[in-house]
Amino acid sequence: MSAPTPRPGILDIAPYVGGKSRTDGATRVIKLSSNEGALGPSPKAIEALRKSAEKLHRYPDGGCEALRNKLAEKYNLEADQIVCGAGSDELITLLIRAYAGPGDEVLYSQHGFLMYPIA
């Protein structure tokens, strides 16, 4: 029996390397390269987390129905026109899987988001 083998090209993908967390001589570094917030979480986000703490043992709504409905209402859209994901990495990967296949050419900026060539 042979070992599982990834698809061609997978092992050629360079791994993501995050920005530096420390800089010699600097006492306070704000790591913008990884989109870290310089001010910490919003007090409203902290309160929302506290309120939801008793429900954290349950899976969240994977379809984000409540969120999509609120966004649709606010922006005068249909909820079916809105896609939610667990970050831009997931959304980019979903788009590539939906619209590009083996052998398709996908163009992206050389200096864009590091997830583009990985997706």
PDB file of N, CA and C in Angstrom:
ATOM      1  N   MET A   1       0.850  -1.187   0.000  1.00  0.00           N
ATOM      2  CA  MET A   1       0.000   0.000   0.000  1.00  0.00           C
ATOM      3  C   MET A   1       0.887   1.239   0.000  1.00  0.00           C
ATOM      4  N   SER A   2       0.587   2.191  -0.852  1.00  0.00           N
ATOM      5  CA  SER A   2       1.415   3.398  -0.931  1.00  0.00           C
ATOM      6  C   SER A   2       0.894   4.466   0.025  1.00  0.00           C
ATOM      7  N   ALA A   3       1.796   5.361   0.383  1.00  0.00           N
ATOM      8  CA  ALA A   3       1.442   6.461   1.286  1.00  0.00           C
ATOM      9  C   ALA A   3       0.613   7.496   0.534  1.00  0.00           C
ATOM     10  N   PRO A   4      -0.245   8.226   1.224  1.00  0.00           N
ATOM     11  CA  PRO A   4      -1.008   9.291   0.556  1.00  0.00           C
ATOM     12  C   PRO A   4      -0.065  10.323  -0.055  1.00  0.00           C
ATOM     13  N   THR A   5      -0.409  10.788  -1.242  1.00  0.00           N
ATOM     14  CA  THR A   5       0.419  11.764  -1.948  1.00  0.00           C
ATOM     15  C   THR A   5      -0.415  13.002  -2.253  1.00  0.00           C
ATOM     16  N   PRO A   6       0.103  14.187  -1.916  1.00  0.00           N
ATOM     17  CA  PRO A   6      -0.661  15.403  -2.236  1.00  0.00           C
ATOM     18  C   PRO A   6      -0.713  15.641  -3.742  1.00  0.00           C
ATOM     19  N   ARG A   7      -1.647  16.457  -4.163  1.00  0.00           N
ATOM     20  CA  ARG A   7      -1.782  16.803  -5.576  1.00  0.00           C
ATOM     21  C   ARG A   7      -0.498  17.448  -6.078  1.00  0.00           C
ATOM     22  N   PRO A   8      -0.246  17.355  -7.390  1.00  0.00           N
ATOM     23  CA  PRO A   8       0.954  17.990  -7.948  1.00  0.00           C
ATOM     24  C   PRO A   8       0.988  19.481  -7.622  1.00  0.00           C
ATOM     25  N   GLY A   9       2.157  19.964  -7.251  1.00  0.00           N
ATOM     26  CA  GLY A   9       2.351  21.379  -6.970  1.00  0.00           C
ATOM     27  C   GLY A   9       2.158  21.758  -5.515  1.00  0.00           C
ATOM     28  N   ILE A  10       1.468  20.939  -4.744  1.00  0.00           N
ATOM     29  CA  ILE A  10       1.199  21.286  -3.344  1.00  0.00           C
ATOM     30  C   ILE A  10       2.496  21.429  -2.556  1.00  0.00           C
ATOM     31  N   LEU A  11       3.409  20.508  -2.730  1.00  0.00           N
ATOM     32  CA  LEU A  11       4.666  20.564  -1.972  1.00  0.00           C
ATOM     33  C   LEU A  11       5.585  21.683  -2.451  1.00  0.00           C
ATOM     34  N   ASP A  12       5.274  22.281  -3.599  1.00  0.00           N
ATOM     35  CA  ASP A  12       6.073  23.398  -4.121  1.00  0.00           C
ATOM     36  C   ASP A  12       5.635  24.745  -3.550  1.00  0.00           C
ATOM     37  N   ILE A  13       4.521  24.781  -2.845  1.00  0.00           N
ATOM     38  CA  ILE A  13       4.005  26.036  -2.296  1.00  0.00           C
ATOM     39  C   ILE A  13       4.845  26.444  -1.095  1.00  0.00           C
ATOM     40  N   ALA A  14       5.340  27.666  -1.132  1.00  0.00           N
ATOM     41  CA  ALA A  14       6.123  28.178   0.003  1.00  0.00           C
ATOM     42  C   ALA A  14       5.182  28.434   1.172  1.00  0.00           C
ATOM     43  N   PRO A  15       5.553  28.027   2.375  1.00  0.00           N
ATOM     44  CA  PRO A  15       4.682  28.274   3.530  1.00  0.00           C
ATOM     45  C   PRO A  15       4.598  29.758   3.855  1.00  0.00           C
ATOM     46  N   TYR A  16       3.481  30.145   4.445  1.00  0.00           N
ATOM     47  CA  TYR A  16       3.291  31.528   4.881  1.00  0.00           C
ATOM     48  C   TYR A  16       4.216  31.811   6.056  1.00  0.00           C
ATOM     49  N   VAL A  17       4.906  32.927   5.999  1.00  0.00           N
ATOM     50  CA  VAL A  17       5.766  33.368   7.098  1.00  0.00           C
ATOM     51  C   VAL A  17       5.239  34.722   7.552  1.00  0.00           C
ATOM     52  N   GLY A  18       4.782  34.778   8.782  1.00  0.00           N
ATOM     53  CA  GLY A  18       4.213  36.016   9.311  1.00  0.00           C
ATOM     54  C   GLY A  18       5.269  37.090   9.516  1.00  0.00           C
ATOM     55  N   GLY A  19       4.822  38.311   9.721  1.00  0.00           N
ATOM     56  CA  GLY A  19       5.729  39.430   9.975  1.00  0.00           C
ATOM     57  C   GLY A  19       6.454  39.282  11.298  1.00  0.00           C
ATOM     58  N   LYS A  20       7.524  40.037  11.447  1.00  0.00           N
ATOM     59  CA  LYS A  20       8.317  39.981  12.676  1.00  0.00           C
ATOM     60  C   LYS A  20       7.500  40.481  13.859  1.00  0.00           C
ATOM     61  N   SER A  21       7.671  39.815  15.003  1.00  0.00           N
ATOM     62  CA  SER A  21       6.981  40.237  16.226  1.00  0.00           C
ATOM     63  C   SER A  21       7.844  41.158  17.067  1.00  0.00           C
ATOM     64  N   ARG A  22       9.132  41.143  16.832  1.00  0.00           N
ATOM     65  CA  ARG A  22      10.054  41.959  17.631  1.00  0.00           C
ATOM     66  C   ARG A  22      10.990  42.736  16.711  1.00  0.00           C
ATOM     67  N   THR A  23      11.412  43.879  17.183  1.00  0.00           N
ATOM     68  CA  THR A  23      12.396  44.692  16.479  1.00  0.00           C
ATOM     69  C   THR A  23      13.412  45.150  17.508  1.00  0.00           C
ATOM     70  N   ASP A  24      14.675  44.866  17.245  1.00  0.00           N
ATOM     71  CA  ASP A  24      15.727  45.249  18.189  1.00  0.00           C
ATOM     72  C   ASP A  24      15.676  46.740  18.484  1.00  0.00           C
ATOM     73  N   GLY A  25      15.738  47.083  19.763  1.00  0.00           N
ATOM     74  CA  GLY A  25      15.772  48.476  20.181  1.00  0.00           C
ATOM     75  C   GLY A  25      14.407  49.125  20.328  1.00  0.00           C
ATOM     76  N   ALA A  26      13.345  48.461  19.901  1.00  0.00           N
ATOM     77  CA  ALA A  26      12.000  49.040  20.011  1.00  0.00           C
ATOM     78  C   ALA A  26      11.283  48.423  21.206  1.00  0.00           C
ATOM     79  N   THR A  27      10.621  49.257  21.981  1.00  0.00           N
ATOM     80  CA  THR A  27       9.915  48.752  23.158  1.00  0.00           C
ATOM     81  C   THR A  27       8.449  48.457  22.861  1.00  0.00           C
ATOM     82  N   ARG A  28       7.868  49.149  21.909  1.00  0.00           N
ATOM     83  CA  ARG A  28       6.457  48.925  21.578  1.00  0.00           C
ATOM     84  C   ARG A  28       6.329  48.770  20.067  1.00  0.00           C
ATOM     85  N   VAL A  29       6.086  47.551  19.626  1.00  0.00           N
ATOM     86  CA  VAL A  29       5.963  47.261  18.203  1.00  0.00           C
ATOM     87  C   VAL A  29       4.508  46.911  17.901  1.00  0.00           C
ATOM     88  N   ILE A  30       3.954  47.542  16.894  1.00  0.00           N
ATOM     89  CA  ILE A  30       2.606  47.223  16.438  1.00  0.00           C
ATOM     90  C   ILE A  30       2.763  46.481  15.120  1.00  0.00           C
ATOM     91  N   LYS A  31       2.416  45.216  15.114  1.00  0.00           N
ATOM     92  CA  LYS A  31       2.663  44.328  13.984  1.00  0.00           C
ATOM     93  C   LYS A  31       1.556  44.468  12.933  1.00  0.00           C
ATOM     94  N   LEU A  32       1.682  45.445  12.065  1.00  0.00           N
ATOM     95  CA  LEU A  32       0.668  45.698  11.050  1.00  0.00           C
ATOM     96  C   LEU A  32       0.661  44.636   9.958  1.00  0.00           C
ATOM     97  N   SER A  33       1.788  43.957   9.747  1.00  0.00           N
ATOM     98  CA  SER A  33       1.873  42.982   8.667  1.00  0.00           C
ATOM     99  C   SER A  33       0.924  41.808   8.866  1.00  0.00           C
ATOM    100  N   SER A  34       0.500  41.557  10.067  1.00  0.00           N
ATOM    101  CA  SER A  34      -0.425  40.453  10.334  1.00  0.00           C
ATOM    102  C   SER A  34      -1.814  40.958  10.713  1.00  0.00           C
ATOM    103  N   ASN A  35      -2.075  42.212  10.430  1.00  0.00           N
ATOM    104  CA  ASN A  35      -3.375  42.833  10.712  1.00  0.00           C
ATOM    105  C   ASN A  35      -3.773  42.750  12.179  1.00  0.00           C
ATOM    106  N   GLU A  36      -2.802  42.864  13.060  1.00  0.00           N
ATOM    107  CA  GLU A  36      -3.106  42.878  14.484  1.00  0.00           C
ATOM    108  C   GLU A  36      -3.562  44.277  14.873  1.00  0.00           C
ATOM    109  N   GLY A  37      -4.578  44.346  15.698  1.00  0.00           N
ATOM    110  CA  GLY A  37      -5.102  45.633  16.122  1.00  0.00           C
ATOM    111  C   GLY A  37      -4.182  46.301  17.128  1.00  0.00           C
ATOM    112  N   ALA A  38      -3.841  47.542  16.882  1.00  0.00           N
ATOM    113  CA  ALA A  38      -2.932  48.279  17.762  1.00  0.00           C
ATOM    114  C   ALA A  38      -3.589  48.659  19.082  1.00  0.00           C
ATOM    115  N   LEU A  39      -4.903  48.731  19.111  1.00  0.00           N
ATOM    116  CA  LEU A  39      -5.607  49.213  20.297  1.00  0.00           C
ATOM    117  C   LEU A  39      -6.249  48.099  21.119  1.00  0.00           C
ATOM    118  N   GLY A  40      -6.087  46.865  20.704  1.00  0.00           N
ATOM    119  CA  GLY A  40      -6.730  45.766  21.416  1.00  0.00           C
ATOM    120  C   GLY A  40      -8.187  45.644  21.017  1.00  0.00           C
ATOM    121  N   PRO A  41      -8.896  44.700  21.623  1.00  0.00           N
ATOM    122  CA  PRO A  41     -10.294  44.496  21.238  1.00  0.00           C
ATOM    123  C   PRO A  41     -11.191  45.636  21.710  1.00  0.00           C
ATOM    124  N   SER A  42     -12.227  45.866  20.957  1.00  0.00           N
ATOM    125  CA  SER A  42     -13.220  46.878  21.310  1.00  0.00           C
ATOM    126  C   SER A  42     -13.931  46.459  22.600  1.00  0.00           C
ATOM    127  N   PRO A  43     -14.260  47.413  23.460  1.00  0.00           N
ATOM    128  CA  PRO A  43     -15.040  47.077  24.657  1.00  0.00           C
ATOM    129  C   PRO A  43     -16.366  46.388  24.306  1.00  0.00           C
ATOM    130  N   LYS A  44     -16.961  46.748  23.164  1.00  0.00           N
ATOM    131  CA  LYS A  44     -18.204  46.093  22.735  1.00  0.00           C
ATOM    132  C   LYS A  44     -17.952  44.626  22.384  1.00  0.00           C
ATOM    133  N   ALA A  45     -16.797  44.332  21.767  1.00  0.00           N
ATOM    134  CA  ALA A  45     -16.459  42.945  21.440  1.00  0.00           C
ATOM    135  C   ALA A  45     -16.232  42.135  22.710  1.00  0.00           C
ATOM    136  N   ILE A  46     -15.576  42.729  23.680  1.00  0.00           N
ATOM    137  CA  ILE A  46     -15.334  42.048  24.958  1.00  0.00           C
ATOM    138  C   ILE A  46     -16.665  41.738  25.642  1.00  0.00           C
ATOM    139  N   GLU A  47     -17.579  42.692  25.635  1.00  0.00           N
ATOM    140  CA  GLU A  47     -18.894  42.475  26.252  1.00  0.00           C
ATOM    141  C   GLU A  47     -19.673  41.392  25.504  1.00  0.00           C
ATOM    142  N   ALA A  48     -19.603  41.388  24.178  1.00  0.00           N
ATOM    143  CA  ALA A  48     -20.291  40.360  23.389  1.00  0.00           C
ATOM    144  C   ALA A  48     -19.730  38.976  23.706  1.00  0.00           C
ATOM    145  N   LEU A  49     -18.421  38.875  23.879  1.00  0.00           N
ATOM    146  CA  LEU A  49     -17.802  37.599  24.246  1.00  0.00           C
ATOM    147  C   LEU A  49     -18.295  37.141  25.616  1.00  0.00           C
ATOM    148  N   ARG A  50     -18.350  38.063  26.562  1.00  0.00           N
ATOM    149  CA  ARG A  50     -18.850  37.718  27.907  1.00  0.00           C
ATOM    150  C   ARG A  50     -20.289  37.190  27.839  1.00  0.00           C
ATOM    151  N   LYS A  51     -21.116  37.864  27.049  1.00  0.00           N
ATOM    152  CA  LYS A  51     -22.523  37.460  26.944  1.00  0.00           C
ATOM    153  C   LYS A  51     -22.677  36.090  26.284  1.00  0.00           C
ATOM    154  N   SER A  52     -21.761  35.749  25.386  1.00  0.00           N
ATOM    155  CA  SER A  52     -21.877  34.481  24.667  1.00  0.00           C
ATOM    156  C   SER A  52     -21.121  33.338  25.341  1.00  0.00           C
ATOM    157  N   ALA A  53     -20.433  33.606  26.436  1.00  0.00           N
ATOM    158  CA  ALA A  53     -19.569  32.602  27.075  1.00  0.00           C
ATOM    159  C   ALA A  53     -20.310  31.317  27.425  1.00  0.00           C
ATOM    160  N   GLU A  54     -21.563  31.417  27.827  1.00  0.00           N
ATOM    161  CA  GLU A  54     -22.309  30.224  28.223  1.00  0.00           C
ATOM    162  C   GLU A  54     -22.737  29.372  27.036  1.00  0.00           C
ATOM    163  N   LYS A  55     -22.572  29.880  25.813  1.00  0.00           N
ATOM    164  CA  LYS A  55     -22.969  29.129  24.620  1.00  0.00           C
ATOM    165  C   LYS A  55     -21.767  28.677  23.792  1.00  0.00           C
ATOM    166  N   LEU A  56     -20.553  28.883  24.292  1.00  0.00           N
ATOM    167  CA  LEU A  56     -19.359  28.585  23.501  1.00  0.00           C
ATOM    168  C   LEU A  56     -19.131  27.095  23.271  1.00  0.00           C
ATOM    169  N   HIS A  57     -19.848  26.240  23.971  1.00  0.00           N
ATOM    170  CA  HIS A  57     -19.702  24.801  23.778  1.00  0.00           C
ATOM    171  C   HIS A  57     -20.506  24.304  22.575  1.00  0.00           C
ATOM    172  N   ARG A  58     -21.274  25.153  21.951  1.00  0.00           N
ATOM    173  CA  ARG A  58     -22.089  24.805  20.780  1.00  0.00           C
ATOM    174  C   ARG A  58     -21.431  25.325  19.503  1.00  0.00           C
ATOM    175  N   TYR A  59     -21.655  24.597  18.411  1.00  0.00           N
ATOM    176  CA  TYR A  59     -21.161  25.077  17.125  1.00  0.00           C
ATOM    177  C   TYR A  59     -21.901  26.355  16.743  1.00  0.00           C
ATOM    178  N   PRO A  60     -21.193  27.295  16.134  1.00  0.00           N
ATOM    179  CA  PRO A  60     -21.871  28.512  15.665  1.00  0.00           C
ATOM    180  C   PRO A  60     -22.701  28.208  14.420  1.00  0.00           C
ATOM    181  N   ASP A  61     -23.496  29.150  14.013  1.00  0.00           N
ATOM    182  CA  ASP A  61     -24.300  29.033  12.798  1.00  0.00           C
ATOM    183  C   ASP A  61     -23.360  29.087  11.599  1.00  0.00           C
ATOM    184  N   GLY A  62     -23.042  27.934  11.029  1.00  0.00           N
ATOM    185  CA  GLY A  62     -22.098  27.852   9.915  1.00  0.00           C
ATOM    186  C   GLY A  62     -22.526  28.633   8.688  1.00  0.00           C
ATOM    187  N   GLY A  63     -23.829  28.796   8.504  1.00  0.00           N
ATOM    188  CA  GLY A  63     -24.322  29.557   7.365  1.00  0.00           C
ATOM    189  C   GLY A  63     -24.445  31.042   7.643  1.00  0.00           C
ATOM    190  N   CYS A  64     -24.146  31.442   8.857  1.00  0.00           N
ATOM    191  CA  CYS A  64     -24.203  32.854   9.270  1.00  0.00           C
ATOM    192  C   CYS A  64     -25.538  33.495   8.908  1.00  0.00           C
ATOM    193  N   GLU A  65     -26.612  32.741   9.088  1.00  0.00           N
ATOM    194  CA  GLU A  65     -27.920  33.232   8.659  1.00  0.00           C
ATOM    195  C   GLU A  65     -28.328  34.540   9.313  1.00  0.00           C
ATOM    196  N   ALA A  66     -28.199  34.621  10.625  1.00  0.00           N
ATOM    197  CA  ALA A  66     -28.608  35.849  11.319  1.00  0.00           C
ATOM    198  C   ALA A  66     -27.782  37.044  10.837  1.00  0.00           C
ATOM    199  N   LEU A  67     -26.474  36.849  10.696  1.00  0.00           N
ATOM    200  CA  LEU A  67     -25.598  37.927  10.234  1.00  0.00           C
ATOM    201  C   LEU A  67     -25.934  38.324   8.802  1.00  0.00           C
ATOM    202  N   ARG A  68     -26.094  37.336   7.919  1.00  0.00           N
ATOM    203  CA  ARG A  68     -26.414  37.643   6.522  1.00  0.00           C
ATOM    204  C   ARG A  68     -27.756  38.362   6.406  1.00  0.00           C
ATOM    205  N   ASN A  69     -28.727  37.961   7.216  1.00  0.00           N
ATOM    206  CA  ASN A  69     -30.035  38.634   7.187  1.00  0.00           C
ATOM    207  C   ASN A  69     -29.930  40.084   7.644  1.00  0.00           C
ATOM    208  N   LYS A  70     -29.168  40.333   8.712  1.00  0.00           N
ATOM    209  CA  LYS A  70     -28.991  41.716   9.202  1.00  0.00           C
ATOM    210  C   LYS A  70     -28.256  42.568   8.171  1.00  0.00           C
ATOM    211  N   LEU A  71     -27.196  42.017   7.571  1.00  0.00           N
ATOM    212  CA  LEU A  71     -26.445  42.757   6.549  1.00  0.00           C
ATOM    213  C   LEU A  71     -27.316  43.034   5.330  1.00  0.00           C
ATOM    214  N   ALA A  72     -28.097  42.046   4.926  1.00  0.00           N
ATOM    215  CA  ALA A  72     -28.983  42.221   3.773  1.00  0.00           C
ATOM    216  C   ALA A  72     -29.995  43.330   4.033  1.00  0.00           C
ATOM    217  N   GLU A  73     -30.544  43.332   5.228  1.00  0.00           N
ATOM    218  CA  GLU A  73     -31.513  44.368   5.597  1.00  0.00           C
ATOM    219  C   GLU A  73     -30.862  45.748   5.598  1.00  0.00           C
ATOM    220  N   LYS A  74     -29.684  45.842   6.183  1.00  0.00           N
ATOM    221  CA  LYS A  74     -28.992  47.135   6.289  1.00  0.00           C
ATOM    222  C   LYS A  74     -28.599  47.691   4.921  1.00  0.00           C
ATOM    223  N   TYR A  75     -28.151  46.811   4.008  1.00  0.00           N
ATOM    224  CA  TYR A  75     -27.625  47.270   2.718  1.00  0.00           C
ATOM    225  C   TYR A  75     -28.577  47.015   1.548  1.00  0.00           C
ATOM    226  N   ASN A  76     -29.838  46.698   1.858  1.00  0.00           N
ATOM    227  CA  ASN A  76     -30.855  46.497   0.832  1.00  0.00           C
ATOM    228  C   ASN A  76     -30.434  45.433  -0.190  1.00  0.00           C
ATOM    229  N   LEU A  77     -30.036  44.283   0.326  1.00  0.00           N
ATOM    230  CA  LEU A  77     -29.630  43.153  -0.502  1.00  0.00           C
ATOM    231  C   LEU A  77     -30.466  41.938  -0.134  1.00  0.00           C
ATOM    232  N   GLU A  78     -30.303  40.876  -0.896  1.00  0.00           N
ATOM    233  CA  GLU A  78     -30.864  39.580  -0.529  1.00  0.00           C
ATOM    234  C   GLU A  78     -29.793  38.838   0.273  1.00  0.00           C
ATOM    235  N   ALA A  79     -30.196  38.114   1.293  1.00  0.00           N
ATOM    236  CA  ALA A  79     -29.231  37.370   2.115  1.00  0.00           C
ATOM    237  C   ALA A  79     -28.427  36.387   1.266  1.00  0.00           C
ATOM    238  N   ASP A  80     -29.041  35.856   0.197  1.00  0.00           N
ATOM    239  CA  ASP A  80     -28.337  34.910  -0.680  1.00  0.00           C
ATOM    240  C   ASP A  80     -27.203  35.564  -1.464  1.00  0.00           C
ATOM    241  N   GLN A  81     -27.145  36.879  -1.482  1.00  0.00           N
ATOM    242  CA  GLN A  81     -26.071  37.595  -2.182  1.00  0.00           C
ATOM    243  C   GLN A  81     -24.843  37.782  -1.301  1.00  0.00           C
ATOM    244  N   ILE A  82     -24.913  37.367  -0.053  1.00  0.00           N
ATOM    245  CA  ILE A  82     -23.840  37.602   0.916  1.00  0.00           C
ATOM    246  C   ILE A  82     -23.188  36.285   1.294  1.00  0.00           C
ATOM    247  N   VAL A  83     -21.861  36.264   1.249  1.00  0.00           N
ATOM    248  CA  VAL A  83     -21.095  35.087   1.654  1.00  0.00           C
ATOM    249  C   VAL A  83     -20.252  35.472   2.857  1.00  0.00           C
ATOM    250  N   CYS A  84     -20.305  34.668   3.882  1.00  0.00           N
ATOM    251  CA  CYS A  84     -19.494  34.903   5.079  1.00  0.00           C
ATOM    252  C   CYS A  84     -18.474  33.780   5.203  1.00  0.00           C
ATOM    253  N   GLY A  85     -17.370  34.071   5.829  1.00  0.00           N
ATOM    254  CA  GLY A  85     -16.352  33.050   6.033  1.00  0.00           C
ATOM    255  C   GLY A  85     -15.526  33.349   7.256  1.00  0.00           C
ATOM    256  N   ALA A  86     -14.685  32.395   7.592  1.00  0.00           N
ATOM    257  CA  ALA A  86     -13.802  32.535   8.751  1.00  0.00           C
ATOM    258  C   ALA A  86     -12.507  33.204   8.304  1.00  0.00           C
ATOM    259  N   GLY A  87     -12.607  34.438   7.860  1.00  0.00           N
ATOM    260  CA  GLY A  87     -11.432  35.190   7.424  1.00  0.00           C
ATOM    261  C   GLY A  87     -11.261  35.180   5.923  1.00  0.00           C
ATOM    262  N   SER A  88     -10.410  36.069   5.455  1.00  0.00           N
ATOM    263  CA  SER A  88     -10.209  36.212   4.012  1.00  0.00           C
ATOM    264  C   SER A  88      -9.548  34.984   3.403  1.00  0.00           C
ATOM    265  N   ASP A  89      -8.721  34.262   4.169  1.00  0.00           N
ATOM    266  CA  ASP A  89      -8.115  33.034   3.635  1.00  0.00           C
ATOM    267  C   ASP A  89      -9.200  32.067   3.160  1.00  0.00           C
ATOM    268  N   GLU A  90     -10.194  31.841   4.000  1.00  0.00           N
ATOM    269  CA  GLU A  90     -11.258  30.905   3.644  1.00  0.00           C
ATOM    270  C   GLU A  90     -12.055  31.407   2.449  1.00  0.00           C
ATOM    271  N   LEU A  91     -12.387  32.692   2.425  1.00  0.00           N
ATOM    272  CA  LEU A  91     -13.178  33.225   1.319  1.00  0.00           C
ATOM    273  C   LEU A  91     -12.424  33.147  -0.004  1.00  0.00           C
ATOM    274  N   ILE A  92     -11.137  33.441   0.012  1.00  0.00           N
ATOM    275  CA  ILE A  92     -10.330  33.336  -1.211  1.00  0.00           C
ATOM    276  C   ILE A  92     -10.293  31.891  -1.684  1.00  0.00           C
ATOM    277  N   THR A  93     -10.074  30.957  -0.763  1.00  0.00           N
ATOM    278  CA  THR A  93     -10.030  29.538  -1.117  1.00  0.00           C
ATOM    279  C   THR A  93     -11.370  29.081  -1.687  1.00  0.00           C
ATOM    280  N   LEU A  94     -12.477  29.499  -1.089  1.00  0.00           N
ATOM    281  CA  LEU A  94     -13.798  29.130  -1.606  1.00  0.00           C
ATOM    282  C   LEU A  94     -14.015  29.673  -3.016  1.00  0.00           C
ATOM    283  N   LEU A  95     -13.609  30.919  -3.259  1.00  0.00           N
ATOM    284  CA  LEU A  95     -13.752  31.499  -4.598  1.00  0.00           C
ATOM    285  C   LEU A  95     -12.938  30.728  -5.631  1.00  0.00           C
ATOM    286  N   ILE A  96     -11.706  30.389  -5.286  1.00  0.00           N
ATOM    287  CA  ILE A  96     -10.855  29.640  -6.213  1.00  0.00           C
ATOM    288  C   ILE A  96     -11.461  28.274  -6.498  1.00  0.00           C
ATOM    289  N   ARG A  97     -11.928  27.594  -5.470  1.00  0.00           N
ATOM    290  CA  ARG A  97     -12.537  26.272  -5.663  1.00  0.00           C
ATOM    291  C   ARG A  97     -13.804  26.354  -6.506  1.00  0.00           C
ATOM    292  N   ALA A  98     -14.557  27.435  -6.359  1.00  0.00           N
ATOM    293  CA  ALA A  98     -15.810  27.579  -7.092  1.00  0.00           C
ATOM    294  C   ALA A  98     -15.605  27.960  -8.554  1.00  0.00           C
ATOM    295  N   TYR A  99     -14.572  28.754  -8.846  1.00  0.00           N
ATOM    296  CA  TYR A  99     -14.447  29.313 -10.188  1.00  0.00           C
ATOM    297  C   TYR A  99     -13.212  28.896 -10.969  1.00  0.00           C
ATOM    298  N   ALA A 100     -12.231  28.286 -10.348  1.00  0.00           N
ATOM    299  CA  ALA A 100     -11.017  27.886 -11.064  1.00  0.00           C
ATOM    300  C   ALA A 100     -10.796  26.390 -10.879  1.00  0.00           C
ATOM    301  N   GLY A 101     -10.312  25.766 -11.920  1.00  0.00           N
ATOM    302  CA  GLY A 101     -10.061  24.333 -11.858  1.00  0.00           C
ATOM    303  C   GLY A 101      -8.643  24.014 -12.276  1.00  0.00           C
ATOM    304  N   PRO A 102      -8.297  22.737 -12.273  1.00  0.00           N
ATOM    305  CA  PRO A 102      -6.950  22.332 -12.689  1.00  0.00           C
ATOM    306  C   PRO A 102      -6.640  22.847 -14.092  1.00  0.00           C
ATOM    307  N   GLY A 103      -5.490  23.471 -14.232  1.00  0.00           N
ATOM    308  CA  GLY A 103      -5.067  23.993 -15.525  1.00  0.00           C
ATOM    309  C   GLY A 103      -5.548  25.400 -15.824  1.00  0.00           C
ATOM    310  N   ASP A 104      -6.468  25.941 -15.031  1.00  0.00           N
ATOM    311  CA  ASP A 104      -6.934  27.315 -15.247  1.00  0.00           C
ATOM    312  C   ASP A 104      -5.855  28.303 -14.829  1.00  0.00           C
ATOM    313  N   GLU A 105      -5.826  29.430 -15.509  1.00  0.00           N
ATOM    314  CA  GLU A 105      -4.884  30.491 -15.158  1.00  0.00           C
ATOM    315  C   GLU A 105      -5.611  31.524 -14.304  1.00  0.00           C
ATOM    316  N   VAL A 106      -5.037  31.833 -13.155  1.00  0.00           N
ATOM    317  CA  VAL A 106      -5.604  32.827 -12.250  1.00  0.00           C
ATOM    318  C   VAL A 106      -4.571  33.927 -12.070  1.00  0.00           C
ATOM    319  N   LEU A 107      -4.949  35.163 -12.348  1.00  0.00           N
ATOM    320  CA  LEU A 107      -4.031  36.286 -12.230  1.00  0.00           C
ATOM    321  C   LEU A 107      -4.195  36.976 -10.887  1.00  0.00           C
ATOM    322  N   TYR A 108      -3.082  37.371 -10.307  1.00  0.00           N
ATOM    323  CA  TYR A 108      -3.099  38.116  -9.048  1.00  0.00           C
ATOM    324  C   TYR A 108      -1.854  38.981  -8.995  1.00  0.00           C
ATOM    325  N   SER A 109      -1.894  40.002  -8.169  1.00  0.00           N
ATOM    326  CA  SER A 109      -0.782  40.936  -8.048  1.00  0.00           C
ATOM    327  C   SER A 109       0.406  40.273  -7.359  1.00  0.00           C
ATOM    328  N   GLN A 110       1.591  40.509  -7.877  1.00  0.00           N
ATOM    329  CA  GLN A 110       2.815  39.969  -7.276  1.00  0.00           C
ATOM    330  C   GLN A 110       2.976  40.456  -5.840  1.00  0.00           C
ATOM    331  N   HIS A 111       2.531  41.667  -5.565  1.00  0.00           N
ATOM    332  CA  HIS A 111       2.723  42.254  -4.239  1.00  0.00           C
ATOM    333  C   HIS A 111       1.426  42.264  -3.433  1.00  0.00           C
ATOM    334  N   GLY A 112       0.517  41.370  -3.754  1.00  0.00           N
ATOM    335  CA  GLY A 112      -0.753  41.306  -3.043  1.00  0.00           C
ATOM    336  C   GLY A 112      -0.682  40.403  -1.824  1.00  0.00           C
ATOM    337  N   PHE A 113      -1.812  39.937  -1.412  1.00  0.00           N
ATOM    338  CA  PHE A 113      -1.973  39.103  -0.229  1.00  0.00           C
ATOM    339  C   PHE A 113      -1.245  37.770  -0.419  1.00  0.00           C
ATOM    340  N   LEU A 114      -0.520  37.318   0.580  1.00  0.00           N
ATOM    341  CA  LEU A 114       0.270  36.089   0.474  1.00  0.00           C
ATOM    342  C   LEU A 114      -0.580  34.839   0.294  1.00  0.00           C
ATOM    343  N   MET A 115      -1.861  34.903   0.564  1.00  0.00           N
ATOM    344  CA  MET A 115      -2.740  33.747   0.410  1.00  0.00           C
ATOM    345  C   MET A 115      -3.052  33.459  -1.056  1.00  0.00           C
ATOM    346  N   TYR A 116      -2.929  34.453  -1.934  1.00  0.00           N
ATOM    347  CA  TYR A 116      -3.296  34.255  -3.336  1.00  0.00           C
ATOM    348  C   TYR A 116      -2.572  33.069  -3.973  1.00  0.00           C
ATOM    349  N   PRO A 117      -1.247  32.997  -3.940  1.00  0.00           N
ATOM    350  CA  PRO A 117      -0.603  31.861  -4.603  1.00  0.00           C
ATOM    351  C   PRO A 117      -0.867  30.530  -3.906  1.00  0.00           C
ATOM    352  N   ILE A 118      -1.158  30.557  -2.632  1.00  0.00           N
ATOM    353  CA  ILE A 118      -1.425  29.317  -1.904  1.00  0.00           C
ATOM    354  C   ILE A 118      -2.793  28.762  -2.276  1.00  0.00           C
ATOM    355  N   ALA A 119      -3.777  29.656  -2.467  1.00  0.00           N
ATOM    356  CA  ALA A 119      -5.140  29.216  -2.806  1.00  0.00           C
ATOM    357  C   ALA A 119      -5.166  28.597  -4.189  1.00  0.00           C
TER     358      ALA A 119
END
